């Protein structure tokens, strides 16, 4: 089952009838993990190693499985995070919240 964190849901959820259908379909088949203390600290350490600042991207990289796929509106940011995390992932370009 695909996995993401609640922060991603916040980034893509914009409300409104019909506009949320694609996001709702994706999230319905996804295990949405809370950013708790452990995941937050792991993401923070990953940000420290990379010099990046997006905590949600870092949390996604921490949750990714080696050899997995990440759907990302900006694959470039996640590439460096995945490399610093020591995992190989396929980055699949996707659309951001605006569609």
C-alpha atoms as a PDB file:
ATOM      1  CA  UNK A   1       0.000   0.000   0.000  1.00  0.00           C
ATOM      2  CA  UNK A   2       1.316   3.487  -0.806  1.00  0.00           C
ATOM      3  CA  UNK A   3       2.313   5.642   2.142  1.00  0.00           C
ATOM      4  CA  UNK A   4       2.531   9.384   2.750  1.00  0.00           C
ATOM      5  CA  UNK A   5       2.368  11.793   5.658  1.00  0.00           C
ATOM      6  CA  UNK A   6      -0.445  14.076   6.770  1.00  0.00           C
ATOM      7  CA  UNK A   7       1.544  17.101   5.629  1.00  0.00           C
ATOM      8  CA  UNK A   8       1.200  15.966   2.026  1.00  0.00           C
ATOM      9  CA  UNK A   9      -2.562  15.761   2.467  1.00  0.00           C
ATOM     10  CA  UNK A  10      -2.486  19.377   3.672  1.00  0.00           C
ATOM     11  CA  UNK A  11      -0.446  20.445   0.647  1.00  0.00           C
ATOM     12  CA  UNK A  12      -2.797  18.885  -1.910  1.00  0.00           C
ATOM     13  CA  UNK A  13      -6.205  19.305  -0.265  1.00  0.00           C
ATOM     14  CA  UNK A  14      -7.933  22.462  -1.436  1.00  0.00           C
ATOM     15  CA  UNK A  15     -11.608  21.614  -1.007  1.00  0.00           C
ATOM     16  CA  UNK A  16     -14.407  22.296  -3.397  1.00  0.00           C
ATOM     17  CA  UNK A  17     -16.718  19.837  -5.096  1.00  0.00           C
ATOM     18  CA  UNK A  18     -15.064  18.076  -8.008  1.00  0.00           C
ATOM     19  CA  UNK A  19     -11.655  19.716  -7.622  1.00  0.00           C
ATOM     20  CA  UNK A  20     -10.636  17.212  -4.967  1.00  0.00           C
ATOM     21  CA  UNK A  21     -11.618  14.059  -6.813  1.00  0.00           C
ATOM     22  CA  UNK A  22      -8.046  13.153  -7.932  1.00  0.00           C
ATOM     23  CA  UNK A  23      -6.545  13.888  -4.494  1.00  0.00           C
ATOM     24  CA  UNK A  24      -9.358  12.024  -2.752  1.00  0.00           C
ATOM     25  CA  UNK A  25      -8.810   8.952  -4.944  1.00  0.00           C
ATOM     26  CA  UNK A  26      -5.073   8.947  -4.263  1.00  0.00           C
ATOM     27  CA  UNK A  27      -5.472   9.429  -0.517  1.00  0.00           C
ATOM     28  CA  UNK A  28      -8.200   6.761  -0.256  1.00  0.00           C
ATOM     29  CA  UNK A  29      -5.704   4.078  -1.274  1.00  0.00           C
ATOM     30  CA  UNK A  30      -2.835   5.471   0.789  1.00  0.00           C
ATOM     31  CA  UNK A  31      -1.695   4.914   4.359  1.00  0.00           C
ATOM     32  CA  UNK A  32      -1.427   8.477   5.737  1.00  0.00           C
ATOM     33  CA  UNK A  33       1.115   8.597   8.579  1.00  0.00           C
ATOM     34  CA  UNK A  34       1.157  11.334  11.217  1.00  0.00           C
ATOM     35  CA  UNK A  35       4.340  13.328  11.611  1.00  0.00           C
ATOM     36  CA  UNK A  36       5.085  12.344  15.182  1.00  0.00           C
ATOM     37  CA  UNK A  37       8.195  13.089  17.232  1.00  0.00           C
ATOM     38  CA  UNK A  38      10.209  10.222  15.724  1.00  0.00           C
ATOM     39  CA  UNK A  39       9.397  11.031  12.091  1.00  0.00           C
ATOM     40  CA  UNK A  40       9.864  14.744  12.766  1.00  0.00           C
ATOM     41  CA  UNK A  41      13.332  14.196  14.213  1.00  0.00           C
ATOM     42  CA  UNK A  42      14.358  11.883  11.368  1.00  0.00           C
ATOM     43  CA  UNK A  43      13.146  14.443   8.833  1.00  0.00           C
ATOM     44  CA  UNK A  44      14.981  17.222  10.670  1.00  0.00           C
ATOM     45  CA  UNK A  45      18.232  15.273  10.621  1.00  0.00           C
ATOM     46  CA  UNK A  46      17.798  14.655   6.901  1.00  0.00           C
ATOM     47  CA  UNK A  47      17.275  18.386   6.354  1.00  0.00           C
ATOM     48  CA  UNK A  48      20.432  19.105   8.337  1.00  0.00           C
ATOM     49  CA  UNK A  49      22.433  16.716   6.122  1.00  0.00           C
ATOM     50  CA  UNK A  50      21.122  18.229   2.887  1.00  0.00           C
ATOM     51  CA  UNK A  51      20.776  21.908   3.753  1.00  0.00           C
ATOM     52  CA  UNK A  52      17.202  21.824   2.500  1.00  0.00           C
ATOM     53  CA  UNK A  53      14.246  23.335   4.345  1.00  0.00           C
ATOM     54  CA  UNK A  54      11.021  21.530   3.331  1.00  0.00           C
ATOM     55  CA  UNK A  55      10.012  19.361   6.283  1.00  0.00           C
ATOM     56  CA  UNK A  56       7.196  17.675   4.350  1.00  0.00           C
ATOM     57  CA  UNK A  57       9.538  16.582   1.546  1.00  0.00           C
ATOM     58  CA  UNK A  58      11.971  15.286   4.163  1.00  0.00           C
ATOM     59  CA  UNK A  59       9.221  13.315   5.917  1.00  0.00           C
ATOM     60  CA  UNK A  60       8.196  11.768   2.592  1.00  0.00           C
ATOM     61  CA  UNK A  61      11.814  10.758   1.941  1.00  0.00           C
ATOM     62  CA  UNK A  62      12.024   9.215   5.418  1.00  0.00           C
ATOM     63  CA  UNK A  63       8.884   7.162   4.751  1.00  0.00           C
ATOM     64  CA  UNK A  64       9.976   5.981   1.302  1.00  0.00           C
ATOM     65  CA  UNK A  65      11.078   2.407   0.889  1.00  0.00           C
ATOM     66  CA  UNK A  66      14.321   1.617  -0.873  1.00  0.00           C
ATOM     67  CA  UNK A  67      13.393   0.737  -4.442  1.00  0.00           C
ATOM     68  CA  UNK A  68      10.016   2.448  -4.142  1.00  0.00           C
ATOM     69  CA  UNK A  69       8.364   5.215  -6.095  1.00  0.00           C
ATOM     70  CA  UNK A  70       7.656   8.799  -5.032  1.00  0.00           C
ATOM     71  CA  UNK A  71       5.032  10.874  -6.818  1.00  0.00           C
ATOM     72  CA  UNK A  72       6.356  14.433  -6.608  1.00  0.00           C
ATOM     73  CA  UNK A  73       5.404  17.799  -8.052  1.00  0.00           C
ATOM     74  CA  UNK A  74       9.099  18.783  -7.744  1.00  0.00           C
ATOM     75  CA  UNK A  75      11.230  15.646  -8.118  1.00  0.00           C
ATOM     76  CA  UNK A  76      14.495  17.595  -7.910  1.00  0.00           C
ATOM     77  CA  UNK A  77      14.006  18.421  -4.228  1.00  0.00           C
ATOM     78  CA  UNK A  78      13.267  14.818  -3.333  1.00  0.00           C
ATOM     79  CA  UNK A  79      16.192  13.412  -5.311  1.00  0.00           C
ATOM     80  CA  UNK A  80      18.760  14.951  -2.959  1.00  0.00           C
ATOM     81  CA  UNK A  81      16.794  13.942   0.117  1.00  0.00           C
ATOM     82  CA  UNK A  82      16.509  10.336  -1.052  1.00  0.00           C
ATOM     83  CA  UNK A  83      20.227  10.195  -1.826  1.00  0.00           C
ATOM     84  CA  UNK A  84      21.073  11.594   1.621  1.00  0.00           C
ATOM     85  CA  UNK A  85      18.722   9.032   3.187  1.00  0.00           C
ATOM     86  CA  UNK A  86      20.630   6.284   1.380  1.00  0.00           C
ATOM     87  CA  UNK A  87      17.654   5.034  -0.610  1.00  0.00           C
ATOM     88  CA  UNK A  88      17.081   4.581  -4.304  1.00  0.00           C
ATOM     89  CA  UNK A  89      13.637   5.667  -5.441  1.00  0.00           C
ATOM     90  CA  UNK A  90      12.017   6.339  -8.772  1.00  0.00           C
ATOM     91  CA  UNK A  91      10.692   9.883  -8.803  1.00  0.00           C
ATOM     92  CA  UNK A  92       7.474  10.204 -10.766  1.00  0.00           C
ATOM     93  CA  UNK A  93       6.626  13.764 -11.806  1.00  0.00           C
ATOM     94  CA  UNK A  94       3.095  14.707 -10.816  1.00  0.00           C
ATOM     95  CA  UNK A  95       1.003  17.803 -10.672  1.00  0.00           C
ATOM     96  CA  UNK A  96       0.981  20.071  -7.653  1.00  0.00           C
ATOM     97  CA  UNK A  97      -2.082  21.217  -5.710  1.00  0.00           C
ATOM     98  CA  UNK A  98      -3.192  23.643  -8.405  1.00  0.00           C
ATOM     99  CA  UNK A  99      -3.526  20.790 -10.880  1.00  0.00           C
END
